[in-house]
Amino acid sequence: TVRVMHTPGHTEGSVTYLVDDTVALTGDFIFIASIGRPD
């Protein structure tokens, strides 16, 4: 079961996909060393 978390900021519709609540596919929301630009 892949759970969706709405994480806007980089885009209005940015989401993170969570697997088993142990893995987060964050897209351009959170990177290893920075965050997605909102500009």
PDB file of all heavy atoms in Angstrom:
ATOM      1  N   THR A   1       0.853  -1.174   0.000  1.00  0.00           N
ATOM      2  CA  THR A   1       0.000   0.000   0.000  1.00  0.00           C
ATOM      3  C   THR A   1       0.898   1.235   0.000  1.00  0.00           C
ATOM      4  O   THR A   1       1.676   1.444   0.936  1.00  0.00           O
ATOM      5  CB  THR A   1      -0.920   0.030   1.233  1.00  0.00           C
ATOM      6  OG1 THR A   1      -1.784  -1.117   1.210  1.00  0.00           O
ATOM      7  CG2 THR A   1      -1.776   1.290   1.238  1.00  0.00           C
ATOM      8  N   VAL A   2       0.821   1.995  -1.070  1.00  0.00           N
ATOM      9  CA  VAL A   2       1.630   3.204  -1.205  1.00  0.00           C
ATOM     10  C   VAL A   2       0.756   4.385  -0.806  1.00  0.00           C
ATOM     11  O   VAL A   2      -0.276   4.655  -1.426  1.00  0.00           O
ATOM     12  CB  VAL A   2       2.143   3.376  -2.648  1.00  0.00           C
ATOM     13  CG1 VAL A   2       2.967   4.651  -2.784  1.00  0.00           C
ATOM     14  CG2 VAL A   2       2.967   2.152  -3.067  1.00  0.00           C
ATOM     15  N   ARG A   3       1.160   5.092   0.246  1.00  0.00           N
ATOM     16  CA  ARG A   3       0.373   6.199   0.783  1.00  0.00           C
ATOM     17  C   ARG A   3       0.866   7.521   0.202  1.00  0.00           C
ATOM     18  O   ARG A   3       2.062   7.735   0.048  1.00  0.00           O
ATOM     19  CB  ARG A   3       0.464   6.199   2.298  1.00  0.00           C
ATOM     20  CG  ARG A   3      -0.383   7.272   2.979  1.00  0.00           C
ATOM     21  CD  ARG A   3      -0.547   6.990   4.466  1.00  0.00           C
ATOM     22  NE  ARG A   3       0.722   6.993   5.164  1.00  0.00           N
ATOM     23  CZ  ARG A   3       1.274   8.083   5.698  1.00  0.00           C
ATOM     24  NH1 ARG A   3       0.675   9.264   5.577  1.00  0.00           N
ATOM     25  NH2 ARG A   3       2.423   8.006   6.345  1.00  0.00           N
ATOM     26  N   VAL A   4      -0.073   8.391  -0.101  1.00  0.00           N
ATOM     27  CA  VAL A   4       0.236   9.694  -0.687  1.00  0.00           C
ATOM     28  C   VAL A   4       0.233  10.764   0.399  1.00  0.00           C
ATOM     29  O   VAL A   4      -0.697  10.847   1.207  1.00  0.00           O
ATOM     30  CB  VAL A   4      -0.782  10.068  -1.781  1.00  0.00           C
ATOM     31  CG1 VAL A   4      -0.476  11.456  -2.361  1.00  0.00           C
ATOM     32  CG2 VAL A   4      -0.800   9.014  -2.886  1.00  0.00           C
ATOM     33  N   MET A   5       1.276  11.576   0.428  1.00  0.00           N
ATOM     34  CA  MET A   5       1.347  12.728   1.312  1.00  0.00           C
ATOM     35  C   MET A   5       1.508  13.971   0.448  1.00  0.00           C
ATOM     36  O   MET A   5       2.461  14.070  -0.335  1.00  0.00           O
ATOM     37  CB  MET A   5       2.527  12.588   2.281  1.00  0.00           C
ATOM     38  CG  MET A   5       2.679  13.722   3.272  1.00  0.00           C
ATOM     39  SD  MET A   5       4.024  13.333   4.456  1.00  0.00           S
ATOM     40  CE  MET A   5       4.081  14.854   5.416  1.00  0.00           C
ATOM     41  N   HIS A   6       0.575  14.905   0.547  1.00  0.00           N
ATOM     42  CA  HIS A   6       0.640  16.129  -0.236  1.00  0.00           C
ATOM     43  C   HIS A   6       1.698  17.032   0.384  1.00  0.00           C
ATOM     44  O   HIS A   6       1.594  17.427   1.554  1.00  0.00           O
ATOM     45  CB  HIS A   6      -0.725  16.824  -0.239  1.00  0.00           C
ATOM     46  CG  HIS A   6      -0.794  18.024  -1.127  1.00  0.00           C
ATOM     47  ND1 HIS A   6      -1.680  19.068  -0.912  1.00  0.00           N
ATOM     48  CD2 HIS A   6      -0.084  18.362  -2.243  1.00  0.00           C
ATOM     49  CE1 HIS A   6      -1.526  19.977  -1.849  1.00  0.00           C
ATOM     50  NE2 HIS A   6      -0.571  19.590  -2.668  1.00  0.00           N
ATOM     51  N   THR A   7       2.752  17.328  -0.379  1.00  0.00           N
ATOM     52  CA  THR A   7       3.878  18.119   0.126  1.00  0.00           C
ATOM     53  C   THR A   7       4.153  19.294  -0.815  1.00  0.00           C
ATOM     54  O   THR A   7       5.189  19.361  -1.479  1.00  0.00           O
ATOM     55  CB  THR A   7       5.136  17.243   0.275  1.00  0.00           C
ATOM     56  OG1 THR A   7       5.338  16.472  -0.930  1.00  0.00           O
ATOM     57  CG2 THR A   7       4.998  16.283   1.444  1.00  0.00           C
ATOM     58  N   PRO A   8       3.227  20.249  -0.906  1.00  0.00           N
ATOM     59  CA  PRO A   8       3.389  21.374  -1.848  1.00  0.00           C
ATOM     60  C   PRO A   8       4.516  22.306  -1.438  1.00  0.00           C
ATOM     61  O   PRO A   8       4.961  22.327  -0.290  1.00  0.00           O
ATOM     62  CB  PRO A   8       2.032  22.079  -1.758  1.00  0.00           C
ATOM     63  CG  PRO A   8       1.539  21.771  -0.377  1.00  0.00           C
ATOM     64  CD  PRO A   8       2.007  20.360  -0.095  1.00  0.00           C
ATOM     65  N   GLY A   9       4.948  23.092  -2.399  1.00  0.00           N
ATOM     66  CA  GLY A   9       6.006  24.066  -2.173  1.00  0.00           C
ATOM     67  C   GLY A   9       6.889  24.210  -3.395  1.00  0.00           C
ATOM     68  O   GLY A   9       7.127  25.315  -3.875  1.00  0.00           O
ATOM     69  N   HIS A  10       7.385  23.083  -3.907  1.00  0.00           N
ATOM     70  CA  HIS A  10       8.114  23.131  -5.180  1.00  0.00           C
ATOM     71  C   HIS A  10       7.115  23.349  -6.306  1.00  0.00           C
ATOM     72  O   HIS A  10       7.363  24.110  -7.245  1.00  0.00           O
ATOM     73  CB  HIS A  10       8.893  21.837  -5.382  1.00  0.00           C
ATOM     74  CG  HIS A  10       9.631  21.773  -6.683  1.00  0.00           C
ATOM     75  ND1 HIS A  10      10.662  22.626  -6.996  1.00  0.00           N
ATOM     76  CD2 HIS A  10       9.472  20.972  -7.778  1.00  0.00           C
ATOM     77  CE1 HIS A  10      11.123  22.352  -8.211  1.00  0.00           C
ATOM     78  NE2 HIS A  10      10.407  21.363  -8.712  1.00  0.00           N
ATOM     79  N   THR A  11       5.991  22.642  -6.233  1.00  0.00           N
ATOM     80  CA  THR A  11       4.814  22.899  -7.054  1.00  0.00           C
ATOM     81  C   THR A  11       3.608  22.808  -6.131  1.00  0.00           C
ATOM     82  O   THR A  11       3.706  22.311  -5.005  1.00  0.00           O
ATOM     83  CB  THR A  11       4.650  21.871  -8.200  1.00  0.00           C
ATOM     84  OG1 THR A  11       4.347  20.583  -7.639  1.00  0.00           O
ATOM     85  CG2 THR A  11       5.897  21.775  -9.061  1.00  0.00           C
ATOM     86  N   GLU A  12       2.471  23.260  -6.617  1.00  0.00           N
ATOM     87  CA  GLU A  12       1.267  23.202  -5.785  1.00  0.00           C
ATOM     88  C   GLU A  12       0.775  21.774  -5.595  1.00  0.00           C
ATOM     89  O   GLU A  12       0.161  21.448  -4.584  1.00  0.00           O
ATOM     90  CB  GLU A  12       0.173  24.072  -6.396  1.00  0.00           C
ATOM     91  CG  GLU A  12       0.471  25.559  -6.326  1.00  0.00           C
ATOM     92  CD  GLU A  12      -0.654  26.423  -6.867  1.00  0.00           C
ATOM     93  OE1 GLU A  12      -0.984  26.255  -8.056  1.00  0.00           O
ATOM     94  OE2 GLU A  12      -1.181  27.254  -6.104  1.00  0.00           O
ATOM     95  N   GLY A  13       1.050  20.917  -6.577  1.00  0.00           N
ATOM     96  CA  GLY A  13       0.570  19.545  -6.495  1.00  0.00           C
ATOM     97  C   GLY A  13       1.632  18.530  -6.131  1.00  0.00           C
ATOM     98  O   GLY A  13       1.420  17.326  -6.289  1.00  0.00           O
ATOM     99  N   SER A  14       2.780  18.980  -5.647  1.00  0.00           N
ATOM    100  CA  SER A  14       3.856  18.054  -5.274  1.00  0.00           C
ATOM    101  C   SER A  14       3.382  17.074  -4.208  1.00  0.00           C
ATOM    102  O   SER A  14       2.767  17.461  -3.212  1.00  0.00           O
ATOM    103  CB  SER A  14       5.053  18.851  -4.751  1.00  0.00           C
ATOM    104  OG  SER A  14       6.011  18.004  -4.159  1.00  0.00           O
ATOM    105  N   VAL A  15       3.679  15.790  -4.420  1.00  0.00           N
ATOM    106  CA  VAL A  15       3.340  14.763  -3.433  1.00  0.00           C
ATOM    107  C   VAL A  15       4.554  13.893  -3.152  1.00  0.00           C
ATOM    108  O   VAL A  15       5.490  13.816  -3.958  1.00  0.00           O
ATOM    109  CB  VAL A  15       2.173  13.865  -3.889  1.00  0.00           C
ATOM    110  CG1 VAL A  15       0.905  14.673  -4.127  1.00  0.00           C
ATOM    111  CG2 VAL A  15       2.539  13.048  -5.124  1.00  0.00           C
ATOM    112  N   THR A  16       4.526  13.240  -2.000  1.00  0.00           N
ATOM    113  CA  THR A  16       5.504  12.226  -1.635  1.00  0.00           C
ATOM    114  C   THR A  16       4.778  10.893  -1.550  1.00  0.00           C
ATOM    115  O   THR A  16       3.673  10.816  -1.002  1.00  0.00           O
ATOM    116  CB  THR A  16       6.153  12.564  -0.281  1.00  0.00           C
ATOM    117  OG1 THR A  16       6.952  13.744  -0.430  1.00  0.00           O
ATOM    118  CG2 THR A  16       7.043  11.434   0.205  1.00  0.00           C
ATOM    119  N   TYR A  17       5.385   9.842  -2.100  1.00  0.00           N
ATOM    120  CA  TYR A  17       4.819   8.503  -2.025  1.00  0.00           C
ATOM    121  C   TYR A  17       5.551   7.719  -0.936  1.00  0.00           C
ATOM    122  O   TYR A  17       6.776   7.576  -0.984  1.00  0.00           O
ATOM    123  CB  TYR A  17       4.930   7.790  -3.378  1.00  0.00           C
ATOM    124  CG  TYR A  17       4.057   8.411  -4.451  1.00  0.00           C
ATOM    125  CD1 TYR A  17       4.604   9.244  -5.430  1.00  0.00           C
ATOM    126  CD2 TYR A  17       2.692   8.187  -4.470  1.00  0.00           C
ATOM    127  CE1 TYR A  17       3.798   9.830  -6.404  1.00  0.00           C
ATOM    128  CE2 TYR A  17       1.873   8.765  -5.434  1.00  0.00           C
ATOM    129  CZ  TYR A  17       2.436   9.581  -6.397  1.00  0.00           C
ATOM    130  OH  TYR A  17       1.626  10.160  -7.356  1.00  0.00           O
ATOM    131  N   LEU A  18       4.804   7.230   0.037  1.00  0.00           N
ATOM    132  CA  LEU A  18       5.361   6.536   1.195  1.00  0.00           C
ATOM    133  C   LEU A  18       5.077   5.044   1.098  1.00  0.00           C
ATOM    134  O   LEU A  18       3.924   4.637   0.878  1.00  0.00           O
ATOM    135  CB  LEU A  18       4.755   7.092   2.488  1.00  0.00           C
ATOM    136  CG  LEU A  18       4.997   8.588   2.730  1.00  0.00           C
ATOM    137  CD1 LEU A  18       4.082   9.103   3.829  1.00  0.00           C
ATOM    138  CD2 LEU A  18       6.451   8.845   3.073  1.00  0.00           C
ATOM    139  N   VAL A  19       6.119   4.243   1.278  1.00  0.00           N
ATOM    140  CA  VAL A  19       5.994   2.779   1.211  1.00  0.00           C
ATOM    141  C   VAL A  19       6.299   2.209   2.592  1.00  0.00           C
ATOM    142  O   VAL A  19       7.401   2.402   3.119  1.00  0.00           O
ATOM    143  CB  VAL A  19       6.968   2.174   0.177  1.00  0.00           C
ATOM    144  CG1 VAL A  19       6.721   0.678   0.037  1.00  0.00           C
ATOM    145  CG2 VAL A  19       6.840   2.880  -1.171  1.00  0.00           C
ATOM    146  N   ASP A  20       5.322   1.528   3.166  1.00  0.00           N
ATOM    147  CA  ASP A  20       5.465   0.900   4.492  1.00  0.00           C
ATOM    148  C   ASP A  20       5.873   1.913   5.574  1.00  0.00           C
ATOM    149  O   ASP A  20       6.377   1.530   6.624  1.00  0.00           O
ATOM    150  CB  ASP A  20       6.515  -0.225   4.461  1.00  0.00           C
ATOM    151  CG  ASP A  20       6.106  -1.388   3.577  1.00  0.00           C
ATOM    152  OD1 ASP A  20       4.934  -1.419   3.141  1.00  0.00           O
ATOM    153  OD2 ASP A  20       6.954  -2.251   3.314  1.00  0.00           O
ATOM    154  N   ASP A  21       5.696   3.184   5.289  1.00  0.00           N
ATOM    155  CA  ASP A  21       6.136   4.237   6.213  1.00  0.00           C
ATOM    156  C   ASP A  21       7.610   4.094   6.598  1.00  0.00           C
ATOM    157  O   ASP A  21       8.044   4.538   7.667  1.00  0.00           O
ATOM    158  CB  ASP A  21       5.260   4.272   7.473  1.00  0.00           C
ATOM    159  CG  ASP A  21       3.893   4.889   7.197  1.00  0.00           C
ATOM    160  OD1 ASP A  21       3.809   5.760   6.306  1.00  0.00           O
ATOM    161  OD2 ASP A  21       2.919   4.500   7.857  1.00  0.00           O
ATOM    162  N   THR A  22       8.379   3.467   5.698  1.00  0.00           N
ATOM    163  CA  THR A  22       9.831   3.352   5.906  1.00  0.00           C
ATOM    164  C   THR A  22      10.617   3.990   4.772  1.00  0.00           C
ATOM    165  O   THR A  22      11.812   4.247   4.914  1.00  0.00           O
ATOM    166  CB  THR A  22      10.268   1.880   6.031  1.00  0.00           C
ATOM    167  OG1 THR A  22       9.965   1.191   4.804  1.00  0.00           O
ATOM    168  CG2 THR A  22       9.555   1.193   7.192  1.00  0.00           C
ATOM    169  N   VAL A  23       9.953   4.238   3.644  1.00  0.00           N
ATOM    170  CA  VAL A  23      10.589   4.809   2.457  1.00  0.00           C
ATOM    171  C   VAL A  23       9.729   5.953   1.936  1.00  0.00           C
ATOM    172  O   VAL A  23       8.500   5.826   1.859  1.00  0.00           O
ATOM    173  CB  VAL A  23      10.764   3.741   1.355  1.00  0.00           C
ATOM    174  CG1 VAL A  23      11.170   4.375   0.048  1.00  0.00           C
ATOM    175  CG2 VAL A  23      11.781   2.697   1.781  1.00  0.00           C
ATOM    176  N   ALA A  24      10.373   7.062   1.579  1.00  0.00           N
ATOM    177  CA  ALA A  24       9.662   8.223   1.049  1.00  0.00           C
ATOM    178  C   ALA A  24      10.232   8.604  -0.305  1.00  0.00           C
ATOM    179  O   ALA A  24      11.408   8.958  -0.406  1.00  0.00           O
ATOM    180  CB  ALA A  24       9.767   9.407   2.016  1.00  0.00           C
ATOM    181  N   LEU A  25       9.408   8.507  -1.353  1.00  0.00           N
ATOM    182  CA  LEU A  25       9.782   9.007  -2.679  1.00  0.00           C
ATOM    183  C   LEU A  25       9.356  10.471  -2.703  1.00  0.00           C
ATOM    184  O   LEU A  25       8.194  10.801  -2.920  1.00  0.00           O
ATOM    185  CB  LEU A  25       9.080   8.218  -3.781  1.00  0.00           C
ATOM    186  CG  LEU A  25       9.263   6.696  -3.778  1.00  0.00           C
ATOM    187  CD1 LEU A  25       8.551   6.080  -4.983  1.00  0.00           C
ATOM    188  CD2 LEU A  25      10.723   6.319  -3.771  1.00  0.00           C
ATOM    189  N   THR A  26      10.317  11.368  -2.461  1.00  0.00           N
ATOM    190  CA  THR A  26      10.005  12.763  -2.185  1.00  0.00           C
ATOM    191  C   THR A  26       9.935  13.660  -3.412  1.00  0.00           C
ATOM    192  O   THR A  26       9.622  14.846  -3.287  1.00  0.00           O
ATOM    193  CB  THR A  26      11.034  13.349  -1.200  1.00  0.00           C
ATOM    194  OG1 THR A  26      12.351  13.168  -1.741  1.00  0.00           O
ATOM    195  CG2 THR A  26      10.942  12.678   0.155  1.00  0.00           C
ATOM    196  N   GLY A  27      10.241  13.130  -4.591  1.00  0.00           N
ATOM    197  CA  GLY A  27      10.222  13.983  -5.771  1.00  0.00           C
ATOM    198  C   GLY A  27      11.192  15.135  -5.614  1.00  0.00           C
ATOM    199  O   GLY A  27      12.355  14.952  -5.242  1.00  0.00           O
ATOM    200  N   ASP A  28      10.708  16.361  -5.855  1.00  0.00           N
ATOM    201  CA  ASP A  28      11.544  17.552  -5.695  1.00  0.00           C
ATOM    202  C   ASP A  28      11.197  18.309  -4.415  1.00  0.00           C
ATOM    203  O   ASP A  28      11.415  19.516  -4.319  1.00  0.00           O
ATOM    204  CB  ASP A  28      11.387  18.486  -6.895  1.00  0.00           C
ATOM    205  CG  ASP A  28      12.077  17.945  -8.140  1.00  0.00           C
ATOM    206  OD1 ASP A  28      12.449  16.765  -8.137  1.00  0.00           O
ATOM    207  OD2 ASP A  28      12.213  18.704  -9.118  1.00  0.00           O
ATOM    208  N   PHE A  29      10.672  17.605  -3.431  1.00  0.00           N
ATOM    209  CA  PHE A  29      10.345  18.214  -2.144  1.00  0.00           C
ATOM    210  C   PHE A  29      11.588  18.282  -1.263  1.00  0.00           C
ATOM    211  O   PHE A  29      12.106  19.358  -0.961  1.00  0.00           O
ATOM    212  CB  PHE A  29       9.219  17.414  -1.490  1.00  0.00           C
ATOM    213  CG  PHE A  29       8.978  17.707  -0.029  1.00  0.00           C
ATOM    214  CD1 PHE A  29       9.042  19.006   0.462  1.00  0.00           C
ATOM    215  CD2 PHE A  29       8.659  16.679   0.844  1.00  0.00           C
ATOM    216  CE1 PHE A  29       8.807  19.271   1.814  1.00  0.00           C
ATOM    217  CE2 PHE A  29       8.417  16.926   2.184  1.00  0.00           C
ATOM    218  CZ  PHE A  29       8.496  18.224   2.677  1.00  0.00           C
ATOM    219  N   ILE A  30      12.123  17.139  -0.878  1.00  0.00           N
ATOM    220  CA  ILE A  30      13.342  17.083  -0.071  1.00  0.00           C
ATOM    221  C   ILE A  30      14.396  16.298  -0.830  1.00  0.00           C
ATOM    222  O   ILE A  30      14.154  15.171  -1.263  1.00  0.00           O
ATOM    223  CB  ILE A  30      13.080  16.433   1.300  1.00  0.00           C
ATOM    224  CG1 ILE A  30      12.205  17.366   2.166  1.00  0.00           C
ATOM    225  CG2 ILE A  30      14.390  16.137   2.020  1.00  0.00           C
ATOM    226  CD1 ILE A  30      11.835  16.774   3.514  1.00  0.00           C
ATOM    227  N   PHE A  31      15.549  16.914  -1.000  1.00  0.00           N
ATOM    228  CA  PHE A  31      16.708  16.260  -1.591  1.00  0.00           C
ATOM    229  C   PHE A  31      17.675  15.844  -0.488  1.00  0.00           C
ATOM    230  O   PHE A  31      17.463  16.148   0.687  1.00  0.00           O
ATOM    231  CB  PHE A  31      17.412  17.204  -2.576  1.00  0.00           C
ATOM    232  CG  PHE A  31      16.551  17.676  -3.715  1.00  0.00           C
ATOM    233  CD1 PHE A  31      16.311  19.032  -3.915  1.00  0.00           C
ATOM    234  CD2 PHE A  31      15.973  16.768  -4.586  1.00  0.00           C
ATOM    235  CE1 PHE A  31      15.534  19.476  -4.970  1.00  0.00           C
ATOM    236  CE2 PHE A  31      15.183  17.203  -5.645  1.00  0.00           C
ATOM    237  CZ  PHE A  31      14.967  18.554  -5.835  1.00  0.00           C
ATOM    238  N   ILE A  32      18.750  15.182  -0.877  1.00  0.00           N
ATOM    239  CA  ILE A  32      19.752  14.779   0.106  1.00  0.00           C
ATOM    240  C   ILE A  32      20.386  16.000   0.760  1.00  0.00           C
ATOM    241  O   ILE A  32      20.562  16.054   1.983  1.00  0.00           O
ATOM    242  CB  ILE A  32      20.842  13.900  -0.540  1.00  0.00           C
ATOM    243  CG1 ILE A  32      20.234  12.646  -1.181  1.00  0.00           C
ATOM    244  CG2 ILE A  32      21.912  13.517   0.493  1.00  0.00           C
ATOM    245  CD1 ILE A  32      19.488  11.734  -0.229  1.00  0.00           C
ATOM    246  N   ALA A  33      20.708  17.011  -0.021  1.00  0.00           N
ATOM    247  CA  ALA A  33      21.453  18.155   0.496  1.00  0.00           C
ATOM    248  C   ALA A  33      20.706  19.472   0.438  1.00  0.00           C
ATOM    249  O   ALA A  33      21.244  20.501   0.843  1.00  0.00           O
ATOM    250  CB  ALA A  33      22.775  18.291  -0.258  1.00  0.00           C
ATOM    251  N   SER A  34      19.465  19.481  -0.063  1.00  0.00           N
ATOM    252  CA  SER A  34      18.727  20.735  -0.153  1.00  0.00           C
ATOM    253  C   SER A  34      17.239  20.437  -0.230  1.00  0.00           C
ATOM    254  O   SER A  34      16.791  19.355   0.147  1.00  0.00           O
ATOM    255  CB  SER A  34      19.198  21.550  -1.365  1.00  0.00           C
ATOM    256  OG  SER A  34      18.628  22.848  -1.353  1.00  0.00           O
ATOM    257  N   ILE A  35      16.483  21.391  -0.734  1.00  0.00           N
ATOM    258  CA  ILE A  35      15.046  21.236  -0.937  1.00  0.00           C
ATOM    259  C   ILE A  35      14.689  21.779  -2.313  1.00  0.00           C
ATOM    260  O   ILE A  35      15.468  22.482  -2.949  1.00  0.00           O
ATOM    261  CB  ILE A  35      14.230  21.987   0.140  1.00  0.00           C
ATOM    262  CG1 ILE A  35      14.669  23.458   0.213  1.00  0.00           C
ATOM    263  CG2 ILE A  35      14.340  21.305   1.488  1.00  0.00           C
ATOM    264  CD1 ILE A  35      13.842  24.296   1.165  1.00  0.00           C
ATOM    265  N   GLY A  36      13.485  21.449  -2.784  1.00  0.00           N
ATOM    266  CA  GLY A  36      13.039  21.922  -4.082  1.00  0.00           C
ATOM    267  C   GLY A  36      12.766  23.413  -4.068  1.00  0.00           C
ATOM    268  O   GLY A  36      12.171  23.940  -3.119  1.00  0.00           O
ATOM    269  N   ARG A  37      13.168  24.091  -5.112  1.00  0.00           N
ATOM    270  CA  ARG A  37      13.014  25.548  -5.160  1.00  0.00           C
ATOM    271  C   ARG A  37      11.556  25.932  -5.396  1.00  0.00           C
ATOM    272  O   ARG A  37      10.865  25.324  -6.236  1.00  0.00           O
ATOM    273  CB  ARG A  37      13.928  26.149  -6.223  1.00  0.00           C
ATOM    274  CG  ARG A  37      13.770  25.570  -7.604  1.00  0.00           C
ATOM    275  CD  ARG A  37      14.894  25.997  -8.529  1.00  0.00           C
ATOM    276  NE  ARG A  37      14.931  27.455  -8.712  1.00  0.00           N
ATOM    277  CZ  ARG A  37      15.817  28.068  -9.478  1.00  0.00           C
ATOM    278  NH1 ARG A  37      16.745  27.369 -10.123  1.00  0.00           N
ATOM    279  NH2 ARG A  37      15.802  29.381  -9.604  1.00  0.00           N
ATOM    280  N   PRO A  38      11.053  26.939  -4.678  1.00  0.00           N
ATOM    281  CA  PRO A  38       9.668  27.379  -4.837  1.00  0.00           C
ATOM    282  C   PRO A  38       9.512  28.587  -5.763  1.00  0.00           C
ATOM    283  O   PRO A  38       8.454  29.214  -5.771  1.00  0.00           O
ATOM    284  CB  PRO A  38       9.285  27.763  -3.399  1.00  0.00           C
ATOM    285  CG  PRO A  38      10.551  28.317  -2.841  1.00  0.00           C
ATOM    286  CD  PRO A  38      11.683  27.544  -3.493  1.00  0.00           C
ATOM    287  N   ASP A  39      10.546  28.888  -6.530  1.00  0.00           N
ATOM    288  CA  ASP A  39      10.568  30.133  -7.309  1.00  0.00           C
ATOM    289  C   ASP A  39      10.488  29.904  -8.812  1.00  0.00           C
ATOM    290  O   ASP A  39      10.884  30.771  -9.587  1.00  0.00           O
ATOM    291  CB  ASP A  39      11.828  30.932  -6.984  1.00  0.00           C
ATOM    292  CG  ASP A  39      13.110  30.184  -7.355  1.00  0.00           C
ATOM    293  OD1 ASP A  39      13.085  28.942  -7.369  1.00  0.00           O
ATOM    294  OD2 ASP A  39      14.127  30.843  -7.629  1.00  0.00           O
TER     295      ASP A  39
END
